[in-house]
Amino acid sequence: MGPIDAFWHLLNFFAPAVGVGLLASGLAKLLWRRELKSVAWMRLAGWAAAACAAVLIAGLVVFGHDGKMATYAAMVTVCALTLWWVGFGPLRR
């Protein structure tokens, strides 16, 4: 595998984490407009995407390969918890 192939492989590995983080934070800002008015969308999206990426890496380590439904279920759960933690919990600014 060449360096360009490795780059695309890593990009595609982290794409679900970034997608879920961006989509979930956008929907949270839309759904809880008043409550999340003081929290920046990029802050929510960054934390959510980072948490989702950590779950994907943990799923790769635990299961030995990516693409397991258990990993994706854990990613959605951790994304929701992270959005709550940053938007409504102790990390709210």
PDB file of N, CA and C in Angstrom:
ATOM      1  N   MET A   1       0.839  -1.160   0.000  1.00  0.00           N
ATOM      2  CA  MET A   1       0.000   0.000   0.000  1.00  0.00           C
ATOM      3  C   MET A   1       0.895   1.238   0.000  1.00  0.00           C
ATOM      4  N   GLY A   2       0.625   2.127  -0.903  1.00  0.00           N
ATOM      5  CA  GLY A   2       1.397   3.352  -0.994  1.00  0.00           C
ATOM      6  C   GLY A   2       0.887   4.408  -0.020  1.00  0.00           C
ATOM      7  N   PRO A   3       1.594   5.530   0.053  1.00  0.00           N
ATOM      8  CA  PRO A   3       1.197   6.571   0.991  1.00  0.00           C
ATOM      9  C   PRO A   3      -0.157   7.200   0.649  1.00  0.00           C
ATOM     10  N   ILE A   4      -0.466   7.313  -0.617  1.00  0.00           N
ATOM     11  CA  ILE A   4      -1.762   7.884  -0.997  1.00  0.00           C
ATOM     12  C   ILE A   4      -2.890   6.923  -0.631  1.00  0.00           C
ATOM     13  N   ASP A   5      -2.665   5.627  -0.858  1.00  0.00           N
ATOM     14  CA  ASP A   5      -3.664   4.630  -0.464  1.00  0.00           C
ATOM     15  C   ASP A   5      -3.866   4.616   1.047  1.00  0.00           C
ATOM     16  N   ALA A   6      -2.783   4.736   1.796  1.00  0.00           N
ATOM     17  CA  ALA A   6      -2.881   4.770   3.258  1.00  0.00           C
ATOM     18  C   ALA A   6      -3.658   6.000   3.720  1.00  0.00           C
ATOM     19  N   PHE A   7      -3.409   7.127   3.070  1.00  0.00           N
ATOM     20  CA  PHE A   7      -4.138   8.358   3.411  1.00  0.00           C
ATOM     21  C   PHE A   7      -5.637   8.177   3.190  1.00  0.00           C
ATOM     22  N   TRP A   8      -6.028   7.632   2.034  1.00  0.00           N
ATOM     23  CA  TRP A   8      -7.446   7.431   1.744  1.00  0.00           C
ATOM     24  C   TRP A   8      -8.062   6.388   2.677  1.00  0.00           C
ATOM     25  N   HIS A   9      -7.287   5.395   3.037  1.00  0.00           N
ATOM     26  CA  HIS A   9      -7.777   4.375   3.958  1.00  0.00           C
ATOM     27  C   HIS A   9      -8.083   4.986   5.322  1.00  0.00           C
ATOM     28  N   LEU A  10      -7.174   5.808   5.833  1.00  0.00           N
ATOM     29  CA  LEU A  10      -7.404   6.480   7.121  1.00  0.00           C
ATOM     30  C   LEU A  10      -8.560   7.469   7.030  1.00  0.00           C
ATOM     31  N   LEU A  11      -8.645   8.183   5.933  1.00  0.00           N
ATOM     32  CA  LEU A  11      -9.734   9.137   5.749  1.00  0.00           C
ATOM     33  C   LEU A  11     -11.084   8.427   5.758  1.00  0.00           C
ATOM     34  N   ASN A  12     -11.171   7.311   5.070  1.00  0.00           N
ATOM     35  CA  ASN A  12     -12.413   6.540   5.045  1.00  0.00           C
ATOM     36  C   ASN A  12     -12.701   5.845   6.367  1.00  0.00           C
ATOM     37  N   PHE A  13     -11.674   5.527   7.139  1.00  0.00           N
ATOM     38  CA  PHE A  13     -11.881   4.926   8.452  1.00  0.00           C
ATOM     39  C   PHE A  13     -12.535   5.924   9.400  1.00  0.00           C
ATOM     40  N   PHE A  14     -12.082   7.189   9.363  1.00  0.00           N
ATOM     41  CA  PHE A  14     -12.594   8.201  10.282  1.00  0.00           C
ATOM     42  C   PHE A  14     -13.818   8.948   9.745  1.00  0.00           C
ATOM     43  N   ALA A  15     -14.226   8.705   8.518  1.00  0.00           N
ATOM     44  CA  ALA A  15     -15.372   9.398   7.932  1.00  0.00           C
ATOM     45  C   ALA A  15     -16.675   9.185   8.715  1.00  0.00           C
ATOM     46  N   PRO A  16     -16.990   7.963   9.181  1.00  0.00           N
ATOM     47  CA  PRO A  16     -18.227   7.817   9.967  1.00  0.00           C
ATOM     48  C   PRO A  16     -18.196   8.627  11.266  1.00  0.00           C
ATOM     49  N   ALA A  17     -17.048   8.706  11.899  1.00  0.00           N
ATOM     50  CA  ALA A  17     -16.949   9.469  13.145  1.00  0.00           C
ATOM     51  C   ALA A  17     -17.197  10.946  12.903  1.00  0.00           C
ATOM     52  N   VAL A  18     -16.591  11.476  11.863  1.00  0.00           N
ATOM     53  CA  VAL A  18     -16.775  12.896  11.547  1.00  0.00           C
ATOM     54  C   VAL A  18     -18.212  13.158  11.104  1.00  0.00           C
ATOM     55  N   GLY A  19     -18.757  12.281  10.296  1.00  0.00           N
ATOM     56  CA  GLY A  19     -20.128  12.448   9.824  1.00  0.00           C
ATOM     57  C   GLY A  19     -21.144  12.415  10.946  1.00  0.00           C
ATOM     58  N   VAL A  20     -21.021  11.443  11.830  1.00  0.00           N
ATOM     59  CA  VAL A  20     -21.950  11.344  12.955  1.00  0.00           C
ATOM     60  C   VAL A  20     -21.779  12.544  13.881  1.00  0.00           C
ATOM     61  N   GLY A  21     -20.547  12.953  14.129  1.00  0.00           N
ATOM     62  CA  GLY A  21     -20.308  14.106  15.002  1.00  0.00           C
ATOM     63  C   GLY A  21     -20.908  15.384  14.446  1.00  0.00           C
ATOM     64  N   LEU A  22     -20.719  15.636  13.155  1.00  0.00           N
ATOM     65  CA  LEU A  22     -21.261  16.841  12.529  1.00  0.00           C
ATOM     66  C   LEU A  22     -22.784  16.812  12.468  1.00  0.00           C
ATOM     67  N   LEU A  23     -23.331  15.689  12.050  1.00  0.00           N
ATOM     68  CA  LEU A  23     -24.779  15.571  11.923  1.00  0.00           C
ATOM     69  C   LEU A  23     -25.486  15.649  13.276  1.00  0.00           C
ATOM     70  N   ALA A  24     -24.971  14.939  14.262  1.00  0.00           N
ATOM     71  CA  ALA A  24     -25.605  14.928  15.578  1.00  0.00           C
ATOM     72  C   ALA A  24     -25.527  16.300  16.253  1.00  0.00           C
ATOM     73  N   SER A  25     -24.405  16.982  16.120  1.00  0.00           N
ATOM     74  CA  SER A  25     -24.295  18.300  16.737  1.00  0.00           C
ATOM     75  C   SER A  25     -25.199  19.312  16.032  1.00  0.00           C
ATOM     76  N   GLY A  26     -25.314  19.213  14.726  1.00  0.00           N
ATOM     77  CA  GLY A  26     -26.227  20.093  14.008  1.00  0.00           C
ATOM     78  C   GLY A  26     -27.680  19.863  14.399  1.00  0.00           C
ATOM     79  N   LEU A  27     -28.060  18.612  14.519  1.00  0.00           N
ATOM     80  CA  LEU A  27     -29.427  18.298  14.940  1.00  0.00           C
ATOM     81  C   LEU A  27     -29.682  18.713  16.385  1.00  0.00           C
ATOM     82  N   ALA A  28     -28.688  18.572  17.248  1.00  0.00           N
ATOM     83  CA  ALA A  28     -28.843  18.993  18.640  1.00  0.00           C
ATOM     84  C   ALA A  28     -29.027  20.507  18.723  1.00  0.00           C
ATOM     85  N   LYS A  29     -28.237  21.252  17.950  1.00  0.00           N
ATOM     86  CA  LYS A  29     -28.391  22.711  17.939  1.00  0.00           C
ATOM     87  C   LYS A  29     -29.756  23.113  17.385  1.00  0.00           C
ATOM     88  N   LEU A  30     -30.273  22.359  16.432  1.00  0.00           N
ATOM     89  CA  LEU A  30     -31.573  22.653  15.854  1.00  0.00           C
ATOM     90  C   LEU A  30     -32.702  22.313  16.829  1.00  0.00           C
ATOM     91  N   LEU A  31     -32.571  21.187  17.508  1.00  0.00           N
ATOM     92  CA  LEU A  31     -33.620  20.707  18.408  1.00  0.00           C
ATOM     93  C   LEU A  31     -33.684  21.514  19.703  1.00  0.00           C
ATOM     94  N   TRP A  32     -32.548  21.816  20.292  1.00  0.00           N
ATOM     95  CA  TRP A  32     -32.470  22.562  21.544  1.00  0.00           C
ATOM     96  C   TRP A  32     -31.871  23.944  21.274  1.00  0.00           C
ATOM     97  N   ARG A  33     -32.559  24.712  20.449  1.00  0.00           N
ATOM     98  CA  ARG A  33     -32.067  26.006  20.003  1.00  0.00           C
ATOM     99  C   ARG A  33     -31.776  26.944  21.164  1.00  0.00           C
ATOM    100  N   ARG A  34     -32.733  27.117  22.071  1.00  0.00           N
ATOM    101  CA  ARG A  34     -32.558  28.048  23.186  1.00  0.00           C
ATOM    102  C   ARG A  34     -31.517  27.576  24.184  1.00  0.00           C
ATOM    103  N   GLU A  35     -31.561  26.303  24.515  1.00  0.00           N
ATOM    104  CA  GLU A  35     -30.667  25.778  25.535  1.00  0.00           C
ATOM    105  C   GLU A  35     -29.206  25.773  25.086  1.00  0.00           C
ATOM    106  N   LEU A  36     -28.970  25.537  23.805  1.00  0.00           N
ATOM    107  CA  LEU A  36     -27.611  25.452  23.283  1.00  0.00           C
ATOM    108  C   LEU A  36     -27.164  26.722  22.557  1.00  0.00           C
ATOM    109  N   LYS A  37     -27.879  27.815  22.794  1.00  0.00           N
ATOM    110  CA  LYS A  37     -27.546  29.067  22.118  1.00  0.00           C
ATOM    111  C   LYS A  37     -26.135  29.543  22.471  1.00  0.00           C
ATOM    112  N   SER A  38     -25.715  29.328  23.704  1.00  0.00           N
ATOM    113  CA  SER A  38     -24.404  29.820  24.150  1.00  0.00           C
ATOM    114  C   SER A  38     -23.247  28.891  23.783  1.00  0.00           C
ATOM    115  N   VAL A  39     -23.554  27.704  23.293  1.00  0.00           N
ATOM    116  CA  VAL A  39     -22.513  26.734  22.941  1.00  0.00           C
ATOM    117  C   VAL A  39     -22.290  26.772  21.427  1.00  0.00           C
ATOM    118  N   ALA A  40     -21.052  26.956  21.017  1.00  0.00           N
ATOM    119  CA  ALA A  40     -20.734  27.026  19.585  1.00  0.00           C
ATOM    120  C   ALA A  40     -20.910  25.659  18.921  1.00  0.00           C
ATOM    121  N   TRP A  41     -21.405  25.682  17.679  1.00  0.00           N
ATOM    122  CA  TRP A  41     -21.614  24.446  16.945  1.00  0.00           C
ATOM    123  C   TRP A  41     -20.293  23.709  16.712  1.00  0.00           C
ATOM    124  N   MET A  42     -19.244  24.448  16.406  1.00  0.00           N
ATOM    125  CA  MET A  42     -17.941  23.815  16.161  1.00  0.00           C
ATOM    126  C   MET A  42     -17.409  23.125  17.421  1.00  0.00           C
ATOM    127  N   ARG A  43     -17.694  23.693  18.581  1.00  0.00           N
ATOM    128  CA  ARG A  43     -17.282  23.064  19.843  1.00  0.00           C
ATOM    129  C   ARG A  43     -18.007  21.730  20.027  1.00  0.00           C
ATOM    130  N   LEU A  44     -19.311  21.738  19.806  1.00  0.00           N
ATOM    131  CA  LEU A  44     -20.075  20.493  19.911  1.00  0.00           C
ATOM    132  C   LEU A  44     -19.592  19.465  18.892  1.00  0.00           C
ATOM    133  N   ALA A  45     -19.413  19.899  17.652  1.00  0.00           N
ATOM    134  CA  ALA A  45     -19.013  18.988  16.589  1.00  0.00           C
ATOM    135  C   ALA A  45     -17.614  18.431  16.817  1.00  0.00           C
ATOM    136  N   GLY A  46     -16.700  19.256  17.287  1.00  0.00           N
ATOM    137  CA  GLY A  46     -15.335  18.796  17.539  1.00  0.00           C
ATOM    138  C   GLY A  46     -15.265  17.740  18.622  1.00  0.00           C
ATOM    139  N   TRP A  47     -15.936  18.010  19.733  1.00  0.00           N
ATOM    140  CA  TRP A  47     -15.948  17.033  20.824  1.00  0.00           C
ATOM    141  C   TRP A  47     -16.635  15.740  20.410  1.00  0.00           C
ATOM    142  N   ALA A  48     -17.764  15.859  19.710  1.00  0.00           N
ATOM    143  CA  ALA A  48     -18.509  14.664  19.298  1.00  0.00           C
ATOM    144  C   ALA A  48     -17.711  13.828  18.301  1.00  0.00           C
ATOM    145  N   ALA A  49     -17.084  14.479  17.328  1.00  0.00           N
ATOM    146  CA  ALA A  49     -16.298  13.747  16.336  1.00  0.00           C
ATOM    147  C   ALA A  49     -15.079  13.088  16.972  1.00  0.00           C
ATOM    148  N   ALA A  50     -14.442  13.774  17.916  1.00  0.00           N
ATOM    149  CA  ALA A  50     -13.281  13.195  18.601  1.00  0.00           C
ATOM    150  C   ALA A  50     -13.684  11.975  19.435  1.00  0.00           C
ATOM    151  N   ALA A  51     -14.809  12.069  20.111  1.00  0.00           N
ATOM    152  CA  ALA A  51     -15.285  10.925  20.900  1.00  0.00           C
ATOM    153  C   ALA A  51     -15.645   9.750  20.000  1.00  0.00           C
ATOM    154  N   CYS A  52     -16.290  10.033  18.886  1.00  0.00           N
ATOM    155  CA  CYS A  52     -16.637   8.969  17.929  1.00  0.00           C
ATOM    156  C   CYS A  52     -15.387   8.327  17.344  1.00  0.00           C
ATOM    157  N   ALA A  53     -14.367   9.126  17.044  1.00  0.00           N
ATOM    158  CA  ALA A  53     -13.114   8.581  16.515  1.00  0.00           C
ATOM    159  C   ALA A  53     -12.433   7.683  17.551  1.00  0.00           C
ATOM    160  N   ALA A  54     -12.485   8.085  18.812  1.00  0.00           N
ATOM    161  CA  ALA A  54     -11.898   7.252  19.868  1.00  0.00           C
ATOM    162  C   ALA A  54     -12.620   5.906  19.970  1.00  0.00           C
ATOM    163  N   VAL A  55     -13.933   5.915  19.810  1.00  0.00           N
ATOM    164  CA  VAL A  55     -14.699   4.662  19.846  1.00  0.00           C
ATOM    165  C   VAL A  55     -14.360   3.787  18.649  1.00  0.00           C
ATOM    166  N   LEU A  56     -14.175   4.383  17.476  1.00  0.00           N
ATOM    167  CA  LEU A  56     -13.792   3.595  16.308  1.00  0.00           C
ATOM    168  C   LEU A  56     -12.431   2.932  16.502  1.00  0.00           C
ATOM    169  N   ILE A  57     -11.497   3.663  17.076  1.00  0.00           N
ATOM    170  CA  ILE A  57     -10.173   3.086  17.344  1.00  0.00           C
ATOM    171  C   ILE A  57     -10.279   1.977  18.376  1.00  0.00           C
ATOM    172  N   ALA A  58     -11.078   2.199  19.432  1.00  0.00           N
ATOM    173  CA  ALA A  58     -11.266   1.157  20.452  1.00  0.00           C
ATOM    174  C   ALA A  58     -11.921  -0.079  19.850  1.00  0.00           C
ATOM    175  N   GLY A  59     -12.894   0.110  18.966  1.00  0.00           N
ATOM    176  CA  GLY A  59     -13.535  -1.029  18.299  1.00  0.00           C
ATOM    177  C   GLY A  59     -12.571  -1.794  17.420  1.00  0.00           C
ATOM    178  N   LEU A  60     -11.675  -1.084  16.765  1.00  0.00           N
ATOM    179  CA  LEU A  60     -10.655  -1.743  15.947  1.00  0.00           C
ATOM    180  C   LEU A  60      -9.717  -2.576  16.811  1.00  0.00           C
ATOM    181  N   VAL A  61      -9.342  -2.049  17.964  1.00  0.00           N
ATOM    182  CA  VAL A  61      -8.448  -2.773  18.874  1.00  0.00           C
ATOM    183  C   VAL A  61      -9.154  -3.989  19.471  1.00  0.00           C
ATOM    184  N   VAL A  62     -10.392  -3.807  19.910  1.00  0.00           N
ATOM    185  CA  VAL A  62     -11.119  -4.891  20.583  1.00  0.00           C
ATOM    186  C   VAL A  62     -11.491  -6.010  19.613  1.00  0.00           C
ATOM    187  N   PHE A  63     -12.040  -5.662  18.457  1.00  0.00           N
ATOM    188  CA  PHE A  63     -12.552  -6.671  17.531  1.00  0.00           C
ATOM    189  C   PHE A  63     -11.542  -7.120  16.480  1.00  0.00           C
ATOM    190  N   GLY A  64     -10.482  -6.366  16.294  1.00  0.00           N
ATOM    191  CA  GLY A  64      -9.465  -6.763  15.328  1.00  0.00           C
ATOM    192  C   GLY A  64      -9.696  -6.261  13.917  1.00  0.00           C
ATOM    193  N   HIS A  65     -10.885  -5.738  13.627  1.00  0.00           N
ATOM    194  CA  HIS A  65     -11.171  -5.128  12.324  1.00  0.00           C
ATOM    195  C   HIS A  65     -12.319  -4.148  12.501  1.00  0.00           C
ATOM    196  N   ASP A  66     -12.473  -3.264  11.537  1.00  0.00           N
ATOM    197  CA  ASP A  66     -13.516  -2.254  11.660  1.00  0.00           C
ATOM    198  C   ASP A  66     -14.801  -2.719  10.995  1.00  0.00           C
ATOM    199  N   GLY A  67     -15.854  -1.938  11.197  1.00  0.00           N
ATOM    200  CA  GLY A  67     -17.121  -2.237  10.551  1.00  0.00           C
ATOM    201  C   GLY A  67     -18.065  -3.102  11.357  1.00  0.00           C
ATOM    202  N   LYS A  68     -17.804  -3.323  12.638  1.00  0.00           N
ATOM    203  CA  LYS A  68     -18.708  -4.113  13.470  1.00  0.00           C
ATOM    204  C   LYS A  68     -19.876  -3.240  13.923  1.00  0.00           C
ATOM    205  N   MET A  69     -21.072  -3.800  13.932  1.00  0.00           N
ATOM    206  CA  MET A  69     -22.247  -3.046  14.348  1.00  0.00           C
ATOM    207  C   MET A  69     -22.166  -2.635  15.807  1.00  0.00           C
ATOM    208  N   ALA A  70     -21.514  -3.442  16.634  1.00  0.00           N
ATOM    209  CA  ALA A  70     -21.349  -3.077  18.042  1.00  0.00           C
ATOM    210  C   ALA A  70     -20.529  -1.802  18.182  1.00  0.00           C
ATOM    211  N   THR A  71     -19.536  -1.637  17.343  1.00  0.00           N
ATOM    212  CA  THR A  71     -18.725  -0.425  17.366  1.00  0.00           C
ATOM    213  C   THR A  71     -19.559   0.787  16.967  1.00  0.00           C
ATOM    214  N   TYR A  72     -20.380   0.645  15.939  1.00  0.00           N
ATOM    215  CA  TYR A  72     -21.216   1.763  15.498  1.00  0.00           C
ATOM    216  C   TYR A  72     -22.279   2.101  16.539  1.00  0.00           C
ATOM    217  N   ALA A  73     -22.831   1.096  17.208  1.00  0.00           N
ATOM    218  CA  ALA A  73     -23.800   1.354  18.278  1.00  0.00           C
ATOM    219  C   ALA A  73     -23.130   2.098  19.437  1.00  0.00           C
ATOM    220  N   ALA A  74     -21.929   1.674  19.787  1.00  0.00           N
ATOM    221  CA  ALA A  74     -21.187   2.369  20.841  1.00  0.00           C
ATOM    222  C   ALA A  74     -20.839   3.792  20.415  1.00  0.00           C
ATOM    223  N   MET A  75     -20.540   3.980  19.136  1.00  0.00           N
ATOM    224  CA  MET A  75     -20.210   5.311  18.633  1.00  0.00           C
ATOM    225  C   MET A  75     -21.407   6.254  18.774  1.00  0.00           C
ATOM    226  N   VAL A  76     -22.601   5.798  18.443  1.00  0.00           N
ATOM    227  CA  VAL A  76     -23.792   6.633  18.567  1.00  0.00           C
ATOM    228  C   VAL A  76     -24.074   6.956  20.031  1.00  0.00           C
ATOM    229  N   THR A  77     -23.920   5.974  20.899  1.00  0.00           N
ATOM    230  CA  THR A  77     -24.148   6.188  22.329  1.00  0.00           C
ATOM    231  C   THR A  77     -23.158   7.189  22.906  1.00  0.00           C
ATOM    232  N   VAL A  78     -21.889   7.016  22.589  1.00  0.00           N
ATOM    233  CA  VAL A  78     -20.862   7.927  23.095  1.00  0.00           C
ATOM    234  C   VAL A  78     -21.042   9.324  22.508  1.00  0.00           C
ATOM    235  N   CYS A  79     -21.483   9.417  21.282  1.00  0.00           N
ATOM    236  CA  CYS A  79     -21.737  10.722  20.671  1.00  0.00           C
ATOM    237  C   CYS A  79     -22.849  11.455  21.427  1.00  0.00           C
ATOM    238  N   ALA A  80     -23.917  10.747  21.746  1.00  0.00           N
ATOM    239  CA  ALA A  80     -25.016  11.361  22.491  1.00  0.00           C
ATOM    240  C   ALA A  80     -24.562  11.798  23.882  1.00  0.00           C
ATOM    241  N   LEU A  81     -23.801  10.952  24.557  1.00  0.00           N
ATOM    242  CA  LEU A  81     -23.297  11.315  25.880  1.00  0.00           C
ATOM    243  C   LEU A  81     -22.344  12.504  25.817  1.00  0.00           C
ATOM    244  N   THR A  82     -21.520  12.554  24.792  1.00  0.00           N
ATOM    245  CA  THR A  82     -20.586  13.664  24.640  1.00  0.00           C
ATOM    246  C   THR A  82     -21.327  14.966  24.362  1.00  0.00           C
ATOM    247  N   LEU A  83     -22.346  14.908  23.511  1.00  0.00           N
ATOM    248  CA  LEU A  83     -23.123  16.110  23.239  1.00  0.00           C
ATOM    249  C   LEU A  83     -23.827  16.606  24.497  1.00  0.00           C
ATOM    250  N   TRP A  84     -24.327  15.697  25.307  1.00  0.00           N
ATOM    251  CA  TRP A  84     -24.932  16.117  26.567  1.00  0.00           C
ATOM    252  C   TRP A  84     -23.878  16.737  27.479  1.00  0.00           C
ATOM    253  N   TRP A  85     -22.723  16.088  27.580  1.00  0.00           N
ATOM    254  CA  TRP A  85     -21.658  16.537  28.477  1.00  0.00           C
ATOM    255  C   TRP A  85     -21.179  17.937  28.104  1.00  0.00           C
ATOM    256  N   VAL A  86     -21.019  18.181  26.815  1.00  0.00           N
ATOM    257  CA  VAL A  86     -20.509  19.483  26.346  1.00  0.00           C
ATOM    258  C   VAL A  86     -21.637  20.528  26.294  1.00  0.00           C
ATOM    259  N   GLY A  87     -22.827  20.118  25.917  1.00  0.00           N
ATOM    260  CA  GLY A  87     -23.918  21.077  25.750  1.00  0.00           C
ATOM    261  C   GLY A  87     -24.673  21.414  27.006  1.00  0.00           C
ATOM    262  N   PHE A  88     -24.848  20.436  27.879  1.00  0.00           N
ATOM    263  CA  PHE A  88     -25.664  20.658  29.070  1.00  0.00           C
ATOM    264  C   PHE A  88     -24.920  20.366  30.373  1.00  0.00           C
ATOM    265  N   GLY A  89     -23.839  19.639  30.310  1.00  0.00           N
ATOM    266  CA  GLY A  89     -23.151  19.187  31.511  1.00  0.00           C
ATOM    267  C   GLY A  89     -22.037  20.107  31.967  1.00  0.00           C
ATOM    268  N   PRO A  90     -21.048  19.531  32.622  1.00  0.00           N
ATOM    269  CA  PRO A  90     -19.966  20.307  33.220  1.00  0.00           C
ATOM    270  C   PRO A  90     -19.062  21.051  32.237  1.00  0.00           C
ATOM    271  N   LEU A  91     -18.964  20.610  30.990  1.00  0.00           N
ATOM    272  CA  LEU A  91     -18.085  21.284  30.028  1.00  0.00           C
ATOM    273  C   LEU A  91     -18.750  22.441  29.305  1.00  0.00           C
ATOM    274  N   ARG A  92     -19.970  22.767  29.692  1.00  0.00           N
ATOM    275  CA  ARG A  92     -20.685  23.866  29.039  1.00  0.00           C
ATOM    276  C   ARG A  92     -20.037  25.194  29.418  1.00  0.00           C
ATOM    277  N   ARG A  93     -19.869  26.056  28.439  1.00  0.00           N
ATOM    278  CA  ARG A  93     -19.323  27.406  28.692  1.00  0.00           C
ATOM    279  C   ARG A  93     -20.289  28.450  28.247  1.00  0.00           C
TER     280      ARG A  93
END
